[in-house]
mmCIF file of all heavy atoms, coordinates in Angstrom:
data_MODEL
# 
_entry.id   MODEL 
# 
loop_
_atom_site.group_PDB 
_atom_site.id 
_atom_site.type_symbol 
_atom_site.label_atom_id 
_atom_site.label_alt_id 
_atom_site.label_comp_id 
_atom_site.label_asym_id 
_atom_site.label_entity_id 
_atom_site.label_seq_id 
_atom_site.pdbx_PDB_ins_code 
_atom_site.Cartn_x 
_atom_site.Cartn_y 
_atom_site.Cartn_z 
_atom_site.occupancy 
_atom_site.B_iso_or_equiv 
_atom_site.pdbx_formal_charge 
_atom_site.auth_seq_id 
_atom_site.auth_comp_id 
_atom_site.auth_asym_id 
_atom_site.auth_atom_id 
_atom_site.pdbx_PDB_model_num 
ATOM 1   N N   . ALA A 1 1  ? 14.662  10.140  -5.632  1.00 0.00 ? 1  ALA A N   1 
ATOM 2   C CA  . ALA A 1 1  ? 13.532  9.993   -6.610  1.00 0.00 ? 1  ALA A CA  1 
ATOM 3   C C   . ALA A 1 1  ? 13.190  8.473   -6.895  1.00 0.00 ? 1  ALA A C   1 
ATOM 4   O O   . ALA A 1 1  ? 12.080  8.103   -7.022  1.00 0.00 ? 1  ALA A O   1 
ATOM 5   C CB  . ALA A 1 1  ? 13.862  10.691  -7.861  1.00 0.00 ? 1  ALA A CB  1 
ATOM 6   N N   . GLU A 1 2  ? 14.305  7.675   -6.985  1.00 0.00 ? 2  GLU A N   1 
ATOM 7   C CA  . GLU A 1 2  ? 14.113  6.224   -7.266  1.00 0.00 ? 2  GLU A CA  1 
ATOM 8   C C   . GLU A 1 2  ? 13.494  5.568   -6.098  1.00 0.00 ? 2  GLU A C   1 
ATOM 9   O O   . GLU A 1 2  ? 12.586  4.696   -6.267  1.00 0.00 ? 2  GLU A O   1 
ATOM 10  C CB  . GLU A 1 2  ? 15.569  5.608   -7.534  1.00 0.00 ? 2  GLU A CB  1 
ATOM 11  C CG  . GLU A 1 2  ? 16.241  6.027   -8.746  1.00 0.00 ? 2  GLU A CG  1 
ATOM 12  C CD  . GLU A 1 2  ? 17.550  5.363   -8.933  1.00 0.00 ? 2  GLU A CD  1 
ATOM 13  O OE1 . GLU A 1 2  ? 18.016  4.665   -8.020  1.00 0.00 ? 2  GLU A OE1 1 
ATOM 14  O OE2 . GLU A 1 2  ? 18.291  5.732   -9.905  1.00 0.00 ? 2  GLU A OE2 1 
ATOM 15  N N   . ARG A 1 3  ? 13.841  6.002   -4.816  1.00 0.00 ? 3  ARG A N   1 
ATOM 16  C CA  . ARG A 1 3  ? 13.190  5.358   -3.744  1.00 0.00 ? 3  ARG A CA  1 
ATOM 17  C C   . ARG A 1 3  ? 11.773  5.819   -3.562  1.00 0.00 ? 3  ARG A C   1 
ATOM 18  O O   . ARG A 1 3  ? 11.011  4.982   -3.042  1.00 0.00 ? 3  ARG A O   1 
ATOM 19  C CB  . ARG A 1 3  ? 14.042  5.766   -2.435  1.00 0.00 ? 3  ARG A CB  1 
ATOM 20  C CG  . ARG A 1 3  ? 15.484  5.185   -2.426  1.00 0.00 ? 3  ARG A CG  1 
ATOM 21  C CD  . ARG A 1 3  ? 16.236  5.372   -1.199  1.00 0.00 ? 3  ARG A CD  1 
ATOM 22  N NE  . ARG A 1 3  ? 17.469  4.773   -1.264  1.00 0.00 ? 3  ARG A NE  1 
ATOM 23  C CZ  . ARG A 1 3  ? 18.337  4.513   -0.173  1.00 0.00 ? 3  ARG A CZ  1 
ATOM 24  N NH1 . ARG A 1 3  ? 17.880  4.868   1.004   1.00 0.00 ? 3  ARG A NH1 1 
ATOM 25  N NH2 . ARG A 1 3  ? 19.492  4.030   -0.402  1.00 0.00 ? 3  ARG A NH2 1 
ATOM 26  N N   . LYS A 1 4  ? 11.539  7.069   -3.923  1.00 0.00 ? 4  LYS A N   1 
ATOM 27  C CA  . LYS A 1 4  ? 10.119  7.515   -3.867  1.00 0.00 ? 4  LYS A CA  1 
ATOM 28  C C   . LYS A 1 4  ? 9.262   6.624   -4.832  1.00 0.00 ? 4  LYS A C   1 
ATOM 29  O O   . LYS A 1 4  ? 8.184   6.276   -4.389  1.00 0.00 ? 4  LYS A O   1 
ATOM 30  C CB  . LYS A 1 4  ? 9.980   8.991   -4.198  1.00 0.00 ? 4  LYS A CB  1 
ATOM 31  C CG  . LYS A 1 4  ? 8.575   9.529   -4.267  1.00 0.00 ? 4  LYS A CG  1 
ATOM 32  C CD  . LYS A 1 4  ? 8.619   11.019  -4.657  1.00 0.00 ? 4  LYS A CD  1 
ATOM 33  C CE  . LYS A 1 4  ? 7.144   11.571  -4.602  1.00 0.00 ? 4  LYS A CE  1 
ATOM 34  N NZ  . LYS A 1 4  ? 7.050   12.938  -5.014  1.00 0.00 ? 4  LYS A NZ  1 
ATOM 35  N N   . ALA A 1 5  ? 9.768   6.514   -6.054  1.00 0.00 ? 5  ALA A N   1 
ATOM 36  C CA  . ALA A 1 5  ? 9.027   5.743   -7.092  1.00 0.00 ? 5  ALA A CA  1 
ATOM 37  C C   . ALA A 1 5  ? 8.814   4.247   -6.497  1.00 0.00 ? 5  ALA A C   1 
ATOM 38  O O   . ALA A 1 5  ? 7.723   3.722   -6.687  1.00 0.00 ? 5  ALA A O   1 
ATOM 39  C CB  . ALA A 1 5  ? 9.860   5.685   -8.399  1.00 0.00 ? 5  ALA A CB  1 
ATOM 40  N N   . ASP A 1 6  ? 9.799   3.703   -5.895  1.00 0.00 ? 6  ASP A N   1 
ATOM 41  C CA  . ASP A 1 6  ? 9.654   2.376   -5.310  1.00 0.00 ? 6  ASP A CA  1 
ATOM 42  C C   . ASP A 1 6  ? 8.663   2.322   -4.238  1.00 0.00 ? 6  ASP A C   1 
ATOM 43  O O   . ASP A 1 6  ? 7.948   1.395   -4.063  1.00 0.00 ? 6  ASP A O   1 
ATOM 44  C CB  . ASP A 1 6  ? 11.078  1.843   -4.803  1.00 0.00 ? 6  ASP A CB  1 
ATOM 45  C CG  . ASP A 1 6  ? 11.034  0.517   -4.170  1.00 0.00 ? 6  ASP A CG  1 
ATOM 46  O OD1 . ASP A 1 6  ? 10.716  -0.431  -4.894  1.00 0.00 ? 6  ASP A OD1 1 
ATOM 47  O OD2 . ASP A 1 6  ? 11.200  0.515   -2.881  1.00 0.00 ? 6  ASP A OD2 1 
ATOM 48  N N   . ALA A 1 7  ? 8.661   3.335   -3.359  1.00 0.00 ? 7  ALA A N   1 
ATOM 49  C CA  . ALA A 1 7  ? 7.675   3.470   -2.249  1.00 0.00 ? 7  ALA A CA  1 
ATOM 50  C C   . ALA A 1 7  ? 6.315   3.502   -2.747  1.00 0.00 ? 7  ALA A C   1 
ATOM 51  O O   . ALA A 1 7  ? 5.359   2.835   -2.248  1.00 0.00 ? 7  ALA A O   1 
ATOM 52  C CB  . ALA A 1 7  ? 7.998   4.551   -1.339  1.00 0.00 ? 7  ALA A CB  1 
ATOM 53  N N   . GLU A 1 8  ? 6.074   4.354   -3.834  1.00 0.00 ? 8  GLU A N   1 
ATOM 54  C CA  . GLU A 1 8  ? 4.763   4.427   -4.390  1.00 0.00 ? 8  GLU A CA  1 
ATOM 55  C C   . GLU A 1 8  ? 4.248   3.151   -5.001  1.00 0.00 ? 8  GLU A C   1 
ATOM 56  O O   . GLU A 1 8  ? 3.114   2.759   -4.778  1.00 0.00 ? 8  GLU A O   1 
ATOM 57  C CB  . GLU A 1 8  ? 4.701   5.532   -5.527  1.00 0.00 ? 8  GLU A CB  1 
ATOM 58  C CG  . GLU A 1 8  ? 4.933   6.983   -4.934  1.00 0.00 ? 8  GLU A CG  1 
ATOM 59  C CD  . GLU A 1 8  ? 5.106   7.999   -6.055  1.00 0.00 ? 8  GLU A CD  1 
ATOM 60  O OE1 . GLU A 1 8  ? 5.589   7.672   -7.124  1.00 0.00 ? 8  GLU A OE1 1 
ATOM 61  O OE2 . GLU A 1 8  ? 4.915   9.262   -5.745  1.00 0.00 ? 8  GLU A OE2 1 
ATOM 62  N N   . LYS A 1 9  ? 5.171   2.467   -5.714  1.00 0.00 ? 9  LYS A N   1 
ATOM 63  C CA  . LYS A 1 9  ? 4.817   1.148   -6.290  1.00 0.00 ? 9  LYS A CA  1 
ATOM 64  C C   . LYS A 1 9  ? 4.497   0.037   -5.169  1.00 0.00 ? 9  LYS A C   1 
ATOM 65  O O   . LYS A 1 9  ? 3.447   -0.586  -5.213  1.00 0.00 ? 9  LYS A O   1 
ATOM 66  C CB  . LYS A 1 9  ? 5.864   0.658   -7.133  1.00 0.00 ? 9  LYS A CB  1 
ATOM 67  C CG  . LYS A 1 9  ? 5.635   -0.704  -7.824  1.00 0.00 ? 9  LYS A CG  1 
ATOM 68  C CD  . LYS A 1 9  ? 6.755   -1.090  -8.752  1.00 0.00 ? 9  LYS A CD  1 
ATOM 69  C CE  . LYS A 1 9  ? 6.543   -2.433  -9.298  1.00 0.00 ? 9  LYS A CE  1 
ATOM 70  N NZ  . LYS A 1 9  ? 7.674   -2.855  -10.233 1.00 0.00 ? 9  LYS A NZ  1 
ATOM 71  N N   . PHE A 1 10 ? 5.275   0.163   -4.130  1.00 0.00 ? 10 PHE A N   1 
ATOM 72  C CA  . PHE A 1 10 ? 5.170   -0.821  -2.939  1.00 0.00 ? 10 PHE A CA  1 
ATOM 73  C C   . PHE A 1 10 ? 3.817   -0.582  -2.321  1.00 0.00 ? 10 PHE A C   1 
ATOM 74  O O   . PHE A 1 10 ? 3.079   -1.587  -1.989  1.00 0.00 ? 10 PHE A O   1 
ATOM 75  C CB  . PHE A 1 10 ? 6.362   -0.659  -1.994  1.00 0.00 ? 10 PHE A CB  1 
ATOM 76  C CG  . PHE A 1 10 ? 6.399   -1.699  -0.902  1.00 0.00 ? 10 PHE A CG  1 
ATOM 77  C CD1 . PHE A 1 10 ? 7.074   -2.803  -1.076  1.00 0.00 ? 10 PHE A CD1 1 
ATOM 78  C CD2 . PHE A 1 10 ? 5.611   -1.480  0.336   1.00 0.00 ? 10 PHE A CD2 1 
ATOM 79  C CE1 . PHE A 1 10 ? 7.151   -3.813  -0.103  1.00 0.00 ? 10 PHE A CE1 1 
ATOM 80  C CE2 . PHE A 1 10 ? 5.750   -2.409  1.249   1.00 0.00 ? 10 PHE A CE2 1 
ATOM 81  C CZ  . PHE A 1 10 ? 6.438   -3.623  1.092   1.00 0.00 ? 10 PHE A CZ  1 
ATOM 82  N N   . PHE A 1 11 ? 3.502   0.703   -2.129  1.00 0.00 ? 11 PHE A N   1 
ATOM 83  C CA  . PHE A 1 11 ? 2.153   1.010   -1.418  1.00 0.00 ? 11 PHE A CA  1 
ATOM 84  C C   . PHE A 1 11 ? 1.002   0.538   -2.343  1.00 0.00 ? 11 PHE A C   1 
ATOM 85  O O   . PHE A 1 11 ? 0.107   -0.075  -1.820  1.00 0.00 ? 11 PHE A O   1 
ATOM 86  C CB  . PHE A 1 11 ? 2.104   2.395   -1.153  1.00 0.00 ? 11 PHE A CB  1 
ATOM 87  C CG  . PHE A 1 11 ? 0.886   2.855   -0.312  1.00 0.00 ? 11 PHE A CG  1 
ATOM 88  C CD1 . PHE A 1 11 ? 0.805   2.619   0.959   1.00 0.00 ? 11 PHE A CD1 1 
ATOM 89  C CD2 . PHE A 1 11 ? -0.218  3.418   -1.017  1.00 0.00 ? 11 PHE A CD2 1 
ATOM 90  C CE1 . PHE A 1 11 ? -0.342  2.923   1.718   1.00 0.00 ? 11 PHE A CE1 1 
ATOM 91  C CE2 . PHE A 1 11 ? -1.324  3.961   -0.317  1.00 0.00 ? 11 PHE A CE2 1 
ATOM 92  C CZ  . PHE A 1 11 ? -1.436  3.493   1.053   1.00 0.00 ? 11 PHE A CZ  1 
ATOM 93  N N   . ARG A 1 12 ? 1.098   0.874   -3.603  1.00 0.00 ? 12 ARG A N   1 
ATOM 94  C CA  . ARG A 1 12 ? -0.060  0.549   -4.547  1.00 0.00 ? 12 ARG A CA  1 
ATOM 95  C C   . ARG A 1 12 ? -0.233  -0.933  -4.732  1.00 0.00 ? 12 ARG A C   1 
ATOM 96  O O   . ARG A 1 12 ? -1.341  -1.409  -4.627  1.00 0.00 ? 12 ARG A O   1 
ATOM 97  C CB  . ARG A 1 12 ? 0.249   1.265   -5.865  1.00 0.00 ? 12 ARG A CB  1 
ATOM 98  C CG  . ARG A 1 12 ? -0.884  1.208   -6.806  1.00 0.00 ? 12 ARG A CG  1 
ATOM 99  C CD  . ARG A 1 12 ? -0.663  2.095   -8.077  1.00 0.00 ? 12 ARG A CD  1 
ATOM 100 N NE  . ARG A 1 12 ? 0.543   1.536   -8.842  1.00 0.00 ? 12 ARG A NE  1 
ATOM 101 C CZ  . ARG A 1 12 ? 1.642   2.177   -8.829  1.00 0.00 ? 12 ARG A CZ  1 
ATOM 102 N NH1 . ARG A 1 12 ? 1.877   3.222   -8.100  1.00 0.00 ? 12 ARG A NH1 1 
ATOM 103 N NH2 . ARG A 1 12 ? 2.626   1.666   -9.542  1.00 0.00 ? 12 ARG A NH2 1 
ATOM 104 N N   . LYS A 1 13 ? 0.883   -1.648  -4.859  1.00 0.00 ? 13 LYS A N   1 
ATOM 105 C CA  . LYS A 1 13 ? 0.817   -3.056  -5.242  1.00 0.00 ? 13 LYS A CA  1 
ATOM 106 C C   . LYS A 1 13 ? 0.643   -3.921  -3.979  1.00 0.00 ? 13 LYS A C   1 
ATOM 107 O O   . LYS A 1 13 ? 0.002   -5.103  -4.058  1.00 0.00 ? 13 LYS A O   1 
ATOM 108 C CB  . LYS A 1 13 ? 2.024   -3.423  -5.939  1.00 0.00 ? 13 LYS A CB  1 
ATOM 109 C CG  . LYS A 1 13 ? 2.289   -2.827  -7.299  1.00 0.00 ? 13 LYS A CG  1 
ATOM 110 C CD  . LYS A 1 13 ? 1.220   -3.183  -8.339  1.00 0.00 ? 13 LYS A CD  1 
ATOM 111 C CE  . LYS A 1 13 ? 1.611   -2.737  -9.653  1.00 0.00 ? 13 LYS A CE  1 
ATOM 112 N NZ  . LYS A 1 13 ? 0.630   -3.204  -10.719 1.00 0.00 ? 13 LYS A NZ  1 
ATOM 113 N N   . ARG A 1 14 ? 1.143   -3.512  -2.863  1.00 0.00 ? 14 ARG A N   1 
ATOM 114 C CA  . ARG A 1 14 ? 1.195   -4.519  -1.663  1.00 0.00 ? 14 ARG A CA  1 
ATOM 115 C C   . ARG A 1 14 ? 0.418   -3.949  -0.459  1.00 0.00 ? 14 ARG A C   1 
ATOM 116 O O   . ARG A 1 14 ? -0.334  -4.689  0.153   1.00 0.00 ? 14 ARG A O   1 
ATOM 117 C CB  . ARG A 1 14 ? 2.720   -4.819  -1.307  1.00 0.00 ? 14 ARG A CB  1 
ATOM 118 C CG  . ARG A 1 14 ? 3.417   -5.270  -2.576  1.00 0.00 ? 14 ARG A CG  1 
ATOM 119 C CD  . ARG A 1 14 ? 4.737   -6.069  -2.178  1.00 0.00 ? 14 ARG A CD  1 
ATOM 120 N NE  . ARG A 1 14 ? 4.436   -7.224  -1.360  1.00 0.00 ? 14 ARG A NE  1 
ATOM 121 C CZ  . ARG A 1 14 ? 5.363   -7.993  -0.818  1.00 0.00 ? 14 ARG A CZ  1 
ATOM 122 N NH1 . ARG A 1 14 ? 6.690   -7.721  -1.025  1.00 0.00 ? 14 ARG A NH1 1 
ATOM 123 N NH2 . ARG A 1 14 ? 5.119   -9.091  -0.123  1.00 0.00 ? 14 ARG A NH2 1 
ATOM 124 N N   . VAL A 1 15 ? 0.742   -2.719  -0.033  1.00 0.00 ? 15 VAL A N   1 
ATOM 125 C CA  . VAL A 1 15 ? 0.177   -2.172  1.277   1.00 0.00 ? 15 VAL A CA  1 
ATOM 126 C C   . VAL A 1 15 ? -1.288  -1.893  1.034   1.00 0.00 ? 15 VAL A C   1 
ATOM 127 O O   . VAL A 1 15 ? -2.097  -2.261  1.931   1.00 0.00 ? 15 VAL A O   1 
ATOM 128 C CB  . VAL A 1 15 ? 0.895   -0.903  1.620   1.00 0.00 ? 15 VAL A CB  1 
ATOM 129 C CG1 . VAL A 1 15 ? 0.260   -0.360  2.980   1.00 0.00 ? 15 VAL A CG1 1 
ATOM 130 C CG2 . VAL A 1 15 ? 2.377   -1.205  1.869   1.00 0.00 ? 15 VAL A CG2 1 
ATOM 131 N N   . THR A 1 16 ? -1.726  -1.308  -0.107  1.00 0.00 ? 16 THR A N   1 
ATOM 132 C CA  . THR A 1 16 ? -3.127  -0.979  -0.331  1.00 0.00 ? 16 THR A CA  1 
ATOM 133 C C   . THR A 1 16 ? -3.949  -2.261  -0.264  1.00 0.00 ? 16 THR A C   1 
ATOM 134 O O   . THR A 1 16 ? -5.096  -2.201  0.443   1.00 0.00 ? 16 THR A O   1 
ATOM 135 C CB  . THR A 1 16 ? -3.345  -0.197  -1.515  1.00 0.00 ? 16 THR A CB  1 
ATOM 136 O OG1 . THR A 1 16 ? -2.553  1.034   -1.532  1.00 0.00 ? 16 THR A OG1 1 
ATOM 137 C CG2 . THR A 1 16 ? -4.796  0.082   -1.889  1.00 0.00 ? 16 THR A CG2 1 
ATOM 138 N N   . PRO A 1 17 ? -3.631  -3.325  -0.900  1.00 0.00 ? 17 PRO A N   1 
ATOM 139 C CA  . PRO A 1 17 ? -4.467  -4.553  -0.860  1.00 0.00 ? 17 PRO A CA  1 
ATOM 140 C C   . PRO A 1 17 ? -4.474  -5.072  0.545   1.00 0.00 ? 17 PRO A C   1 
ATOM 141 O O   . PRO A 1 17 ? -5.537  -5.576  1.017   1.00 0.00 ? 17 PRO A O   1 
ATOM 142 C CB  . PRO A 1 17 ? -3.731  -5.480  -1.746  1.00 0.00 ? 17 PRO A CB  1 
ATOM 143 C CG  . PRO A 1 17 ? -3.116  -4.695  -2.746  1.00 0.00 ? 17 PRO A CG  1 
ATOM 144 C CD  . PRO A 1 17 ? -2.606  -3.451  -2.008  1.00 0.00 ? 17 PRO A CD  1 
ATOM 145 N N   . PHE A 1 18 ? -3.387  -4.962  1.300   1.00 0.00 ? 18 PHE A N   1 
ATOM 146 C CA  . PHE A 1 18 ? -3.294  -5.380  2.692   1.00 0.00 ? 18 PHE A CA  1 
ATOM 147 C C   . PHE A 1 18 ? -4.330  -4.665  3.505   1.00 0.00 ? 18 PHE A C   1 
ATOM 148 O O   . PHE A 1 18 ? -5.173  -5.337  4.344   1.00 0.00 ? 18 PHE A O   1 
ATOM 149 C CB  . PHE A 1 18 ? -1.959  -5.242  3.299   1.00 0.00 ? 18 PHE A CB  1 
ATOM 150 C CG  . PHE A 1 18 ? -1.786  -5.686  4.774   1.00 0.00 ? 18 PHE A CG  1 
ATOM 151 C CD1 . PHE A 1 18 ? -1.236  -7.025  4.953   1.00 0.00 ? 18 PHE A CD1 1 
ATOM 152 C CD2 . PHE A 1 18 ? -2.029  -4.899  5.665   1.00 0.00 ? 18 PHE A CD2 1 
ATOM 153 C CE1 . PHE A 1 18 ? -1.148  -7.379  6.286   1.00 0.00 ? 18 PHE A CE1 1 
ATOM 154 C CE2 . PHE A 1 18 ? -1.887  -5.367  7.076   1.00 0.00 ? 18 PHE A CE2 1 
ATOM 155 C CZ  . PHE A 1 18 ? -1.340  -6.599  7.292   1.00 0.00 ? 18 PHE A CZ  1 
ATOM 156 N N   . ILE A 1 19 ? -4.320  -3.389  3.402   1.00 0.00 ? 19 ILE A N   1 
ATOM 157 C CA  . ILE A 1 19 ? -5.246  -2.505  4.177   1.00 0.00 ? 19 ILE A CA  1 
ATOM 158 C C   . ILE A 1 19 ? -6.675  -2.807  3.961   1.00 0.00 ? 19 ILE A C   1 
ATOM 159 O O   . ILE A 1 19 ? -7.551  -2.941  4.799   1.00 0.00 ? 19 ILE A O   1 
ATOM 160 C CB  . ILE A 1 19 ? -4.906  -1.054  4.034   1.00 0.00 ? 19 ILE A CB  1 
ATOM 161 C CG1 . ILE A 1 19 ? -3.483  -0.692  4.643   1.00 0.00 ? 19 ILE A CG1 1 
ATOM 162 C CG2 . ILE A 1 19 ? -6.011  -0.150  4.648   1.00 0.00 ? 19 ILE A CG2 1 
ATOM 163 C CD1 . ILE A 1 19 ? -3.052  0.748   4.223   1.00 0.00 ? 19 ILE A CD1 1 
ATOM 164 N N   . LYS A 1 20 ? -7.000  -2.928  2.623   1.00 0.00 ? 20 LYS A N   1 
ATOM 165 C CA  . LYS A 1 20 ? -8.328  -3.112  2.204   1.00 0.00 ? 20 LYS A CA  1 
ATOM 166 C C   . LYS A 1 20 ? -8.843  -4.528  2.687   1.00 0.00 ? 20 LYS A C   1 
ATOM 167 O O   . LYS A 1 20 ? -10.038 -4.692  2.917   1.00 0.00 ? 20 LYS A O   1 
ATOM 168 C CB  . LYS A 1 20 ? -8.487  -3.103  0.656   1.00 0.00 ? 20 LYS A CB  1 
ATOM 169 C CG  . LYS A 1 20 ? -8.354  -1.671  0.128   1.00 0.00 ? 20 LYS A CG  1 
ATOM 170 C CD  . LYS A 1 20 ? -8.472  -1.596  -1.364  1.00 0.00 ? 20 LYS A CD  1 
ATOM 171 C CE  . LYS A 1 20 ? -8.381  -0.117  -1.916  1.00 0.00 ? 20 LYS A CE  1 
ATOM 172 N NZ  . LYS A 1 20 ? -8.501  -0.117  -3.305  1.00 0.00 ? 20 LYS A NZ  1 
ATOM 173 N N   . THR A 1 21 ? -7.902  -5.431  2.697   1.00 0.00 ? 21 THR A N   1 
ATOM 174 C CA  . THR A 1 21 ? -8.351  -6.877  3.139   1.00 0.00 ? 21 THR A CA  1 
ATOM 175 C C   . THR A 1 21 ? -8.445  -6.996  4.596   1.00 0.00 ? 21 THR A C   1 
ATOM 176 O O   . THR A 1 21 ? -9.454  -7.621  5.132   1.00 0.00 ? 21 THR A O   1 
ATOM 177 C CB  . THR A 1 21 ? -7.260  -7.874  2.545   1.00 0.00 ? 21 THR A CB  1 
ATOM 178 O OG1 . THR A 1 21 ? -7.131  -7.794  1.223   1.00 0.00 ? 21 THR A OG1 1 
ATOM 179 C CG2 . THR A 1 21 ? -7.688  -9.303  2.965   1.00 0.00 ? 21 THR A CG2 1 
ATOM 180 N N   . TYR A 1 22 ? -7.583  -6.443  5.393   1.00 0.00 ? 22 TYR A N   1 
ATOM 181 C CA  . TYR A 1 22 ? -7.429  -6.694  6.822   1.00 0.00 ? 22 TYR A CA  1 
ATOM 182 C C   . TYR A 1 22 ? -7.898  -5.579  7.740   1.00 0.00 ? 22 TYR A C   1 
ATOM 183 O O   . TYR A 1 22 ? -8.018  -5.755  9.001   1.00 0.00 ? 22 TYR A O   1 
ATOM 184 C CB  . TYR A 1 22 ? -6.023  -7.187  7.205   1.00 0.00 ? 22 TYR A CB  1 
ATOM 185 C CG  . TYR A 1 22 ? -5.747  -8.462  6.391   1.00 0.00 ? 22 TYR A CG  1 
ATOM 186 C CD1 . TYR A 1 22 ? -4.642  -8.397  5.567   1.00 0.00 ? 22 TYR A CD1 1 
ATOM 187 C CD2 . TYR A 1 22 ? -6.304  -9.643  6.682   1.00 0.00 ? 22 TYR A CD2 1 
ATOM 188 C CE1 . TYR A 1 22 ? -4.176  -9.519  4.810   1.00 0.00 ? 22 TYR A CE1 1 
ATOM 189 C CE2 . TYR A 1 22 ? -5.857  -10.796 5.976   1.00 0.00 ? 22 TYR A CE2 1 
ATOM 190 C CZ  . TYR A 1 22 ? -4.869  -10.790 5.059   1.00 0.00 ? 22 TYR A CZ  1 
ATOM 191 O OH  . TYR A 1 22 ? -4.461  -11.890 4.348   1.00 0.00 ? 22 TYR A OH  1 
ATOM 192 N N   . CYS A 1 23 ? -7.907  -4.294  7.210   1.00 0.00 ? 23 CYS A N   1 
ATOM 193 C CA  . CYS A 1 23 ? -8.059  -3.087  8.092   1.00 0.00 ? 23 CYS A CA  1 
ATOM 194 C C   . CYS A 1 23 ? -9.312  -2.279  7.864   1.00 0.00 ? 23 CYS A C   1 
ATOM 195 O O   . CYS A 1 23 ? -9.879  -1.754  8.855   1.00 0.00 ? 23 CYS A O   1 
ATOM 196 C CB  . CYS A 1 23 ? -6.801  -2.171  7.989   1.00 0.00 ? 23 CYS A CB  1 
ATOM 197 S SG  . CYS A 1 23 ? -5.192  -3.059  8.097   1.00 0.00 ? 23 CYS A SG  1 
ATOM 198 N N   . LEU A 1 24 ? -9.709  -2.137  6.660   1.00 0.00 ? 24 LEU A N   1 
ATOM 199 C CA  . LEU A 1 24 ? -10.685 -1.170  6.310   1.00 0.00 ? 24 LEU A CA  1 
ATOM 200 C C   . LEU A 1 24 ? -12.094 -1.465  6.878   1.00 0.00 ? 24 LEU A C   1 
ATOM 201 O O   . LEU A 1 24 ? -12.885 -0.589  7.150   1.00 0.00 ? 24 LEU A O   1 
ATOM 202 C CB  . LEU A 1 24 ? -10.773 -0.938  4.819   1.00 0.00 ? 24 LEU A CB  1 
ATOM 203 C CG  . LEU A 1 24 ? -9.999  0.131   4.170   1.00 0.00 ? 24 LEU A CG  1 
ATOM 204 C CD1 . LEU A 1 24 ? -10.491 0.311   2.776   1.00 0.00 ? 24 LEU A CD1 1 
ATOM 205 C CD2 . LEU A 1 24 ? -10.063 1.397   5.017   1.00 0.00 ? 24 LEU A CD2 1 
ATOM 206 N N   . GLU A 1 25 ? -12.297 -2.706  7.210   1.00 0.00 ? 25 GLU A N   1 
ATOM 207 C CA  . GLU A 1 25 ? -13.690 -3.074  7.743   1.00 0.00 ? 25 GLU A CA  1 
ATOM 208 C C   . GLU A 1 25 ? -13.928 -2.322  9.018   1.00 0.00 ? 25 GLU A C   1 
ATOM 209 O O   . GLU A 1 25 ? -15.063 -1.826  9.243   1.00 0.00 ? 25 GLU A O   1 
ATOM 210 C CB  . GLU A 1 25 ? -13.798 -4.495  7.995   1.00 0.00 ? 25 GLU A CB  1 
ATOM 211 C CG  . GLU A 1 25 ? -15.247 -4.953  8.543   1.00 0.00 ? 25 GLU A CG  1 
ATOM 212 C CD  . GLU A 1 25 ? -15.384 -6.527  8.502   1.00 0.00 ? 25 GLU A CD  1 
ATOM 213 O OE1 . GLU A 1 25 ? -14.435 -7.194  7.974   1.00 0.00 ? 25 GLU A OE1 1 
ATOM 214 O OE2 . GLU A 1 25 ? -16.242 -6.974  9.238   1.00 0.00 ? 25 GLU A OE2 1 
ATOM 215 N N   . CYS A 1 26 ? -12.980 -2.073  9.885   1.00 0.00 ? 26 CYS A N   1 
ATOM 216 C CA  . CYS A 1 26 ? -13.053 -1.257  11.079  1.00 0.00 ? 26 CYS A CA  1 
ATOM 217 C C   . CYS A 1 26 ? -12.485 0.083   11.020  1.00 0.00 ? 26 CYS A C   1 
ATOM 218 O O   . CYS A 1 26 ? -13.022 1.000   11.680  1.00 0.00 ? 26 CYS A O   1 
ATOM 219 C CB  . CYS A 1 26 ? -12.432 -2.106  12.172  1.00 0.00 ? 26 CYS A CB  1 
ATOM 220 S SG  . CYS A 1 26 ? -13.232 -3.582  12.627  1.00 0.00 ? 26 CYS A SG  1 
ATOM 221 N N   . HIS A 1 27 ? -11.359 0.259   10.229  1.00 0.00 ? 27 HIS A N   1 
ATOM 222 C CA  . HIS A 1 27 ? -10.613 1.444   10.283  1.00 0.00 ? 27 HIS A CA  1 
ATOM 223 C C   . HIS A 1 27 ? -10.928 2.274   8.971   1.00 0.00 ? 27 HIS A C   1 
ATOM 224 O O   . HIS A 1 27 ? -10.110 2.453   8.050   1.00 0.00 ? 27 HIS A O   1 
ATOM 225 C CB  . HIS A 1 27 ? -9.139  1.245   10.420  1.00 0.00 ? 27 HIS A CB  1 
ATOM 226 C CG  . HIS A 1 27 ? -8.810  0.457   11.537  1.00 0.00 ? 27 HIS A CG  1 
ATOM 227 N ND1 . HIS A 1 27 ? -8.665  1.175   12.885  1.00 0.00 ? 27 HIS A ND1 1 
ATOM 228 C CD2 . HIS A 1 27 ? -8.617  -0.878  11.864  1.00 0.00 ? 27 HIS A CD2 1 
ATOM 229 C CE1 . HIS A 1 27 ? -8.390  0.251   13.782  1.00 0.00 ? 27 HIS A CE1 1 
ATOM 230 N NE2 . HIS A 1 27 ? -8.309  -0.924  13.220  1.00 0.00 ? 27 HIS A NE2 1 
# 
């Protein structure tokens, strides 16, 4: 449960901005 919460936070705070900045224009 702790690792799931950490993964959700990591995705929301770091991975999502990365995808929107570098990936979504094509993907």
